[in-house]
N, C-alpha and C. Protein backbone atom coordinates (compact mmCIF):
# COMPACT_ATOMS: atom_id res chain seq x y z
N MET A 1 51.12 84.64 117.40
CA MET A 1 51.75 84.53 118.62
C MET A 1 52.89 83.50 118.57
N ARG A 2 54.08 84.07 119.03
CA ARG A 2 55.04 83.13 118.60
C ARG A 2 55.25 82.21 120.05
N ARG A 3 55.69 80.73 119.81
CA ARG A 3 55.76 79.96 120.89
C ARG A 3 57.29 79.80 121.31
N ALA A 4 57.62 79.71 122.38
CA ALA A 4 59.04 79.61 122.87
C ALA A 4 59.41 77.99 122.42
N ASN A 5 60.50 77.90 122.55
CA ASN A 5 61.08 76.30 122.38
C ASN A 5 60.62 75.40 123.39
N SER A 6 60.46 75.92 124.67
CA SER A 6 60.21 75.20 125.71
C SER A 6 58.66 74.56 125.55
N GLY A 7 57.88 75.08 124.76
CA GLY A 7 56.52 74.80 124.54
C GLY A 7 55.75 75.63 125.42
N TRP A 8 56.14 76.60 126.13
CA TRP A 8 55.43 77.46 127.12
C TRP A 8 54.66 78.55 126.03
N LYS A 9 53.53 78.96 126.51
CA LYS A 9 52.53 79.95 125.40
C LYS A 9 52.43 81.11 126.40
N CYS A 10 52.55 82.30 126.01
CA CYS A 10 52.11 83.41 126.37
C CYS A 10 50.40 83.51 126.71
N PRO A 11 50.05 83.73 128.06
CA PRO A 11 48.91 83.90 128.34
C PRO A 11 47.94 84.96 127.16
N SER A 12 46.84 84.71 126.78
CA SER A 12 46.08 85.64 125.78
C SER A 12 45.87 87.23 126.63
N THR A 13 45.84 86.89 127.76
CA THR A 13 45.58 88.20 128.53
C THR A 13 47.08 88.17 129.57
N ILE A 14 47.68 89.12 129.18
CA ILE A 14 48.96 89.30 129.89
C ILE A 14 48.95 90.87 130.67
N THR A 15 48.94 90.53 132.08
CA THR A 15 49.05 92.22 132.86
C THR A 15 50.59 92.15 133.47
N GLY A 16 51.56 92.36 132.57
CA GLY A 16 52.72 92.29 132.78
C GLY A 16 53.18 93.71 133.47
N MET A 17 54.47 93.74 133.80
CA MET A 17 54.61 95.23 134.74
C MET A 17 55.59 95.90 133.79
N ARG A 18 55.39 97.26 133.88
CA ARG A 18 55.99 97.93 132.82
C ARG A 18 57.02 98.79 134.02
N SER A 19 58.11 99.27 133.24
CA SER A 19 59.21 100.04 134.36
C SER A 19 59.66 101.19 133.44
N SER A 20 59.77 102.26 134.28
CA SER A 20 60.48 103.54 133.32
C SER A 20 61.65 103.25 132.61
N TRP A 21 62.51 102.59 133.57
CA TRP A 21 63.86 102.24 132.90
C TRP A 21 63.64 101.44 131.71
N LEU A 22 62.73 100.60 131.47
CA LEU A 22 62.54 99.66 130.45
C LEU A 22 62.06 100.39 129.16
N ASP A 23 60.99 101.41 129.76
CA ASP A 23 60.54 102.06 128.81
C ASP A 23 61.69 102.97 128.13
N ARG A 24 62.43 103.83 128.98
CA ARG A 24 63.23 104.72 128.38
C ARG A 24 64.47 104.10 127.51
N THR A 25 64.87 102.83 128.00
CA THR A 25 65.84 101.92 127.19
C THR A 25 65.25 101.60 125.77
N PHE A 26 64.02 101.21 125.88
CA PHE A 26 63.34 100.81 124.50
C PHE A 26 63.29 102.12 123.57
N ARG A 27 63.03 103.17 124.09
CA ARG A 27 62.66 104.31 123.43
C ARG A 27 64.28 104.90 122.72
N GLY A 28 64.98 104.58 123.48
CA GLY A 28 66.34 105.27 123.16
C GLY A 28 66.87 103.99 122.18
N LEU A 29 66.77 102.80 121.95
CA LEU A 29 67.09 102.01 121.06
C LEU A 29 66.35 101.84 119.81
N ARG A 30 64.96 102.18 120.11
CA ARG A 30 64.13 102.46 118.68
C ARG A 30 64.98 103.74 117.85
N LYS A 31 64.90 104.78 118.73
CA LYS A 31 65.32 106.03 118.24
C LYS A 31 66.70 106.00 117.55
N ARG A 32 67.66 105.09 117.94
CA ARG A 32 68.86 105.07 117.59
C ARG A 32 69.20 104.22 116.29
N TYR A 33 68.72 102.91 116.63
CA TYR A 33 68.85 101.85 115.60
C TYR A 33 67.73 101.68 114.89
N PHE A 34 66.56 101.89 115.02
CA PHE A 34 65.13 101.54 114.11
C PHE A 34 64.25 102.63 114.11
N SER A 35 64.72 103.63 113.79
CA SER A 35 64.27 105.05 113.40
C SER A 35 62.97 105.01 112.09
N LYS A 36 63.58 104.10 111.21
CA LYS A 36 62.73 103.97 110.17
C LYS A 36 61.49 102.87 110.34
N SER A 37 61.53 102.22 111.35
CA SER A 37 60.60 100.87 111.62
C SER A 37 59.26 101.54 111.97
N LYS A 38 58.19 101.17 111.33
CA LYS A 38 56.96 101.64 111.50
C LYS A 38 56.21 100.84 112.47
N SER A 39 56.35 99.38 112.77
CA SER A 39 55.97 98.48 113.54
C SER A 39 56.55 98.95 115.09
N LEU A 40 57.71 99.48 115.20
CA LEU A 40 58.51 99.71 116.28
C LEU A 40 57.77 100.65 116.86
N ARG A 41 56.96 101.84 116.39
CA ARG A 41 56.26 102.92 116.71
C ARG A 41 55.14 102.76 117.70
N ASN A 42 54.76 101.45 117.36
CA ASN A 42 53.32 101.04 118.11
C ASN A 42 53.67 99.96 119.13
N CYS A 43 54.81 99.93 119.40
CA CYS A 43 55.36 98.46 120.00
C CYS A 43 55.23 98.71 121.69
N THR A 44 55.11 97.97 122.77
CA THR A 44 55.15 98.15 124.14
C THR A 44 55.90 97.18 124.42
N VAL A 45 56.69 97.36 125.54
CA VAL A 45 57.57 96.46 126.00
C VAL A 45 56.85 96.28 127.77
N ALA A 46 56.69 94.91 128.04
CA ALA A 46 56.45 94.69 129.58
C ALA A 46 57.35 93.63 130.17
N THR A 47 57.19 93.29 131.27
CA THR A 47 57.81 91.80 131.81
C THR A 47 56.82 91.06 132.60
N TYR A 48 57.17 89.84 132.40
CA TYR A 48 56.29 88.93 133.21
C TYR A 48 56.88 88.02 133.80
N GLY A 49 56.42 87.62 135.25
CA GLY A 49 57.14 86.82 136.01
C GLY A 49 56.94 85.63 136.27
N ARG A 50 56.22 84.96 135.36
CA ARG A 50 55.69 83.52 135.20
C ARG A 50 56.21 82.54 134.14
N MET A 51 57.20 83.26 133.61
CA MET A 51 57.73 82.75 132.57
C MET A 51 58.96 81.48 132.79
N PRO A 52 58.75 80.27 132.13
CA PRO A 52 60.10 79.52 132.39
C PRO A 52 61.58 80.22 132.31
N LEU A 53 62.33 79.88 133.09
CA LEU A 53 63.88 80.32 132.97
C LEU A 53 64.30 80.17 131.46
N ALA A 54 63.85 79.21 130.64
CA ALA A 54 64.32 78.93 129.57
C ALA A 54 63.99 79.97 128.37
N VAL A 55 62.77 80.65 128.91
CA VAL A 55 62.37 81.56 127.65
C VAL A 55 62.60 83.30 128.44
N MET A 56 63.44 83.87 127.46
CA MET A 56 63.89 85.18 128.07
C MET A 56 62.84 86.18 127.45
N ALA A 57 62.41 85.83 126.54
CA ALA A 57 61.50 86.79 125.93
C ALA A 57 60.46 86.39 124.84
N ILE A 58 59.24 86.80 124.56
CA ILE A 58 58.47 86.57 123.34
C ILE A 58 58.10 87.82 122.89
N THR A 59 57.67 87.68 121.52
CA THR A 59 57.12 88.91 120.92
C THR A 59 55.59 88.44 120.30
N THR A 60 54.80 89.32 120.42
CA THR A 60 53.56 88.78 119.97
C THR A 60 52.71 90.22 119.26
N GLN A 61 51.81 89.96 118.63
CA GLN A 61 50.70 90.93 117.84
C GLN A 61 49.56 91.18 119.11
N THR A 62 49.42 92.23 119.24
CA THR A 62 48.06 92.72 119.87
C THR A 62 47.32 93.70 118.92
N ASP A 63 46.07 93.84 119.58
CA ASP A 63 45.30 94.90 118.55
C ASP A 63 45.72 96.34 118.74
N LYS A 64 46.72 96.54 119.61
CA LYS A 64 47.54 98.00 119.56
C LYS A 64 48.75 97.99 118.76
N GLY A 65 49.30 96.75 118.50
CA GLY A 65 50.71 96.78 117.89
C GLY A 65 51.31 95.57 118.58
N GLU A 66 52.71 95.54 118.37
CA GLU A 66 53.53 94.69 118.90
C GLU A 66 53.71 94.84 120.33
N LEU A 67 54.04 93.64 120.83
CA LEU A 67 54.38 93.38 122.37
C LEU A 67 55.56 92.35 122.54
N ILE A 68 56.60 92.93 123.32
CA ILE A 68 57.73 92.63 123.78
C ILE A 68 57.56 92.10 125.08
N ILE A 69 57.60 90.95 125.49
CA ILE A 69 57.38 90.51 126.80
C ILE A 69 58.65 90.06 127.36
N LEU A 70 59.32 90.37 128.24
CA LEU A 70 60.30 90.07 128.81
C LEU A 70 60.39 89.14 130.21
N ASN A 71 61.21 88.22 130.05
CA ASN A 71 61.18 87.25 131.51
C ASN A 71 61.58 87.96 132.71
N ARG A 72 60.82 88.49 133.71
CA ARG A 72 61.19 89.59 134.58
C ARG A 72 62.55 89.12 135.61
N TYR A 73 62.83 87.49 135.69
CA TYR A 73 63.81 86.87 136.04
C TYR A 73 65.32 88.16 135.44
N TYR A 74 65.32 87.89 134.19
CA TYR A 74 66.42 88.42 133.58
C TYR A 74 66.37 89.85 133.59
N VAL A 75 65.60 90.65 133.63
CA VAL A 75 65.48 91.87 133.36
C VAL A 75 66.40 92.85 134.45
N ARG A 76 66.80 92.21 135.52
CA ARG A 76 67.63 92.66 136.53
C ARG A 76 69.16 92.71 135.85
N PHE A 77 69.30 92.17 134.81
CA PHE A 77 70.70 92.10 134.18
C PHE A 77 70.50 92.99 133.13
N ASN A 78 71.29 94.21 133.22
CA ASN A 78 70.66 95.55 131.96
C ASN A 78 71.28 95.28 130.83
N SER A 79 72.72 94.46 130.72
CA SER A 79 73.20 94.00 129.56
C SER A 79 72.36 93.22 128.91
N LEU A 80 71.92 92.29 129.56
CA LEU A 80 71.30 91.20 128.83
C LEU A 80 69.61 91.54 128.13
N THR A 81 69.17 92.36 129.40
CA THR A 81 68.05 92.82 128.80
C THR A 81 68.40 93.91 127.55
N ILE A 82 69.16 94.65 127.51
CA ILE A 82 69.31 95.50 126.10
C ILE A 82 69.64 94.68 124.78
N PHE A 83 70.44 93.47 125.34
CA PHE A 83 70.83 92.48 123.99
C PHE A 83 69.40 91.91 123.57
N THR A 84 68.69 91.43 124.93
CA THR A 84 67.68 90.78 124.26
C THR A 84 66.53 91.80 123.63
N LEU A 85 66.51 93.10 123.95
CA LEU A 85 65.30 94.10 123.35
C LEU A 85 65.84 94.11 121.85
N LEU A 86 67.11 94.35 121.56
CA LEU A 86 67.75 94.38 120.28
C LEU A 86 67.37 93.20 119.60
N HIS A 87 67.39 92.13 120.01
CA HIS A 87 67.05 90.78 119.53
C HIS A 87 65.60 90.83 118.86
N GLU A 88 64.85 91.04 119.92
CA GLU A 88 63.34 91.16 119.54
C GLU A 88 62.83 92.47 118.56
N MET A 89 63.52 93.55 118.82
CA MET A 89 63.23 94.64 117.92
C MET A 89 63.77 94.34 116.36
N ALA A 90 64.71 93.66 116.43
CA ALA A 90 65.08 93.08 115.15
C ALA A 90 64.31 92.36 114.45
N HIS A 91 63.60 91.33 115.02
CA HIS A 91 62.66 90.48 114.49
C HIS A 91 61.26 91.34 114.12
N ILE A 92 60.98 92.38 114.78
CA ILE A 92 59.83 93.14 114.81
C ILE A 92 59.98 93.91 113.48
N ALA A 93 61.15 94.55 113.30
CA ALA A 93 61.75 95.49 112.02
C ALA A 93 61.42 94.72 110.92
N LEU A 94 61.79 93.40 110.82
CA LEU A 94 61.60 92.67 109.85
C LEU A 94 60.25 92.11 109.49
N TYR A 95 59.44 91.94 110.52
CA TYR A 95 58.08 91.44 110.29
C TYR A 95 57.40 92.26 109.30
N GLU A 96 57.98 93.86 109.23
CA GLU A 96 57.15 94.45 108.35
C GLU A 96 56.97 94.09 106.83
N LYS A 97 58.22 93.44 106.38
CA LYS A 97 58.13 92.94 105.22
C LYS A 97 57.82 91.15 105.11
N ASP A 98 58.13 90.49 106.10
CA ASP A 98 57.70 88.85 106.10
C ASP A 98 57.43 88.62 107.63
N ARG A 99 56.50 88.18 107.80
CA ARG A 99 56.31 87.57 109.45
C ARG A 99 56.98 86.14 109.64
N ARG A 100 57.14 85.56 108.61
CA ARG A 100 57.91 84.36 108.81
C ARG A 100 59.43 84.53 109.23
N THR A 101 59.97 85.79 109.16
CA THR A 101 61.25 85.99 109.84
C THR A 101 61.55 85.33 111.15
N GLU A 102 62.38 84.27 111.16
CA GLU A 102 63.02 83.82 112.52
C GLU A 102 64.31 84.01 112.82
N HIS A 103 65.46 83.30 112.66
CA HIS A 103 66.75 83.67 112.84
C HIS A 103 67.54 83.31 111.79
N GLY A 104 66.84 83.40 110.44
CA GLY A 104 67.44 83.16 109.05
C GLY A 104 68.35 84.22 108.59
N PRO A 105 68.72 84.27 107.35
CA PRO A 105 69.53 85.23 106.92
C PRO A 105 69.43 86.69 107.13
N ARG A 106 68.01 86.97 106.81
CA ARG A 106 67.85 88.24 107.11
C ARG A 106 67.76 88.64 108.14
N TRP A 107 67.45 88.07 109.32
CA TRP A 107 67.53 88.35 110.69
C TRP A 107 69.10 88.47 111.01
N GLN A 108 70.07 87.71 110.82
CA GLN A 108 71.31 87.52 110.92
C GLN A 108 72.00 88.66 110.44
N SER A 109 71.42 89.46 109.26
CA SER A 109 71.95 90.43 108.42
C SER A 109 71.61 91.83 109.21
N GLU A 110 70.53 91.58 109.69
CA GLU A 110 70.15 92.89 110.62
C GLU A 110 70.68 92.78 111.93
N MET A 111 71.30 91.80 112.60
CA MET A 111 71.80 91.85 113.91
C MET A 111 73.24 92.36 113.49
N LEU A 112 73.76 91.79 112.41
CA LEU A 112 75.15 92.35 111.98
C LEU A 112 75.27 93.86 111.54
N ARG A 113 73.97 94.44 111.09
CA ARG A 113 73.93 95.79 110.80
C ARG A 113 73.95 96.59 112.35
N LEU A 114 72.92 96.01 113.49
CA LEU A 114 73.38 96.42 114.51
C LEU A 114 74.69 96.39 115.28
N ALA A 115 75.55 95.50 115.04
CA ALA A 115 76.88 95.22 115.51
C ALA A 115 77.71 96.48 114.93
N LYS A 116 77.61 96.62 113.79
CA LYS A 116 78.32 97.36 112.77
C LYS A 116 78.05 98.98 113.44
N GLN A 117 77.11 99.15 113.85
CA GLN A 117 76.50 100.47 114.32
C GLN A 117 77.22 100.56 115.96
N GLY A 118 77.70 99.61 116.20
CA GLY A 118 78.17 99.89 117.72
C GLY A 118 77.08 99.39 118.99
N ALA A 119 75.85 98.67 118.45
CA ALA A 119 74.86 98.55 119.25
C ALA A 119 75.19 97.74 120.43
N PHE A 120 76.12 96.74 120.26
CA PHE A 120 76.67 95.59 121.33
C PHE A 120 78.02 96.10 121.90
N ARG A 121 78.39 96.93 121.64
CA ARG A 121 79.98 97.44 121.95
C ARG A 121 79.99 97.36 123.41
N GLU A 122 79.24 97.53 124.31
CA GLU A 122 79.56 97.60 125.77
C GLU A 122 78.82 96.64 126.55
N LEU A 123 78.05 95.71 125.99
CA LEU A 123 76.97 94.86 126.48
C LEU A 123 77.97 93.67 126.70
N TRP A 124 79.33 93.37 126.32
CA TRP A 124 80.02 92.24 126.62
C TRP A 124 81.36 92.59 126.75
């Protein structure tokens, strides 16, 4: 389980809120930009309202696969939510080769790949 910079730790049992918009958005991004990622096929996205504002999202492993938890406060901003999903999805896609990938050269290359494919074109 990855800890956020603020020291906040995700509860071991999270009862996050699911959203049809969030699920559709995640599936669309996965299909368009991460179709080869096996880890993202078993990934779930949820929101959680008790995260500190300094924490936008965390990614953690569960017995069913990866779980992206977004701070419910920020989900009302569609562009920010999409950017955050892409950010976390890049981590998960790279975890297939190395769980220690944070924001180093491999992750930066993955984000550049997304940018070249137009993933961020209308987000800012």
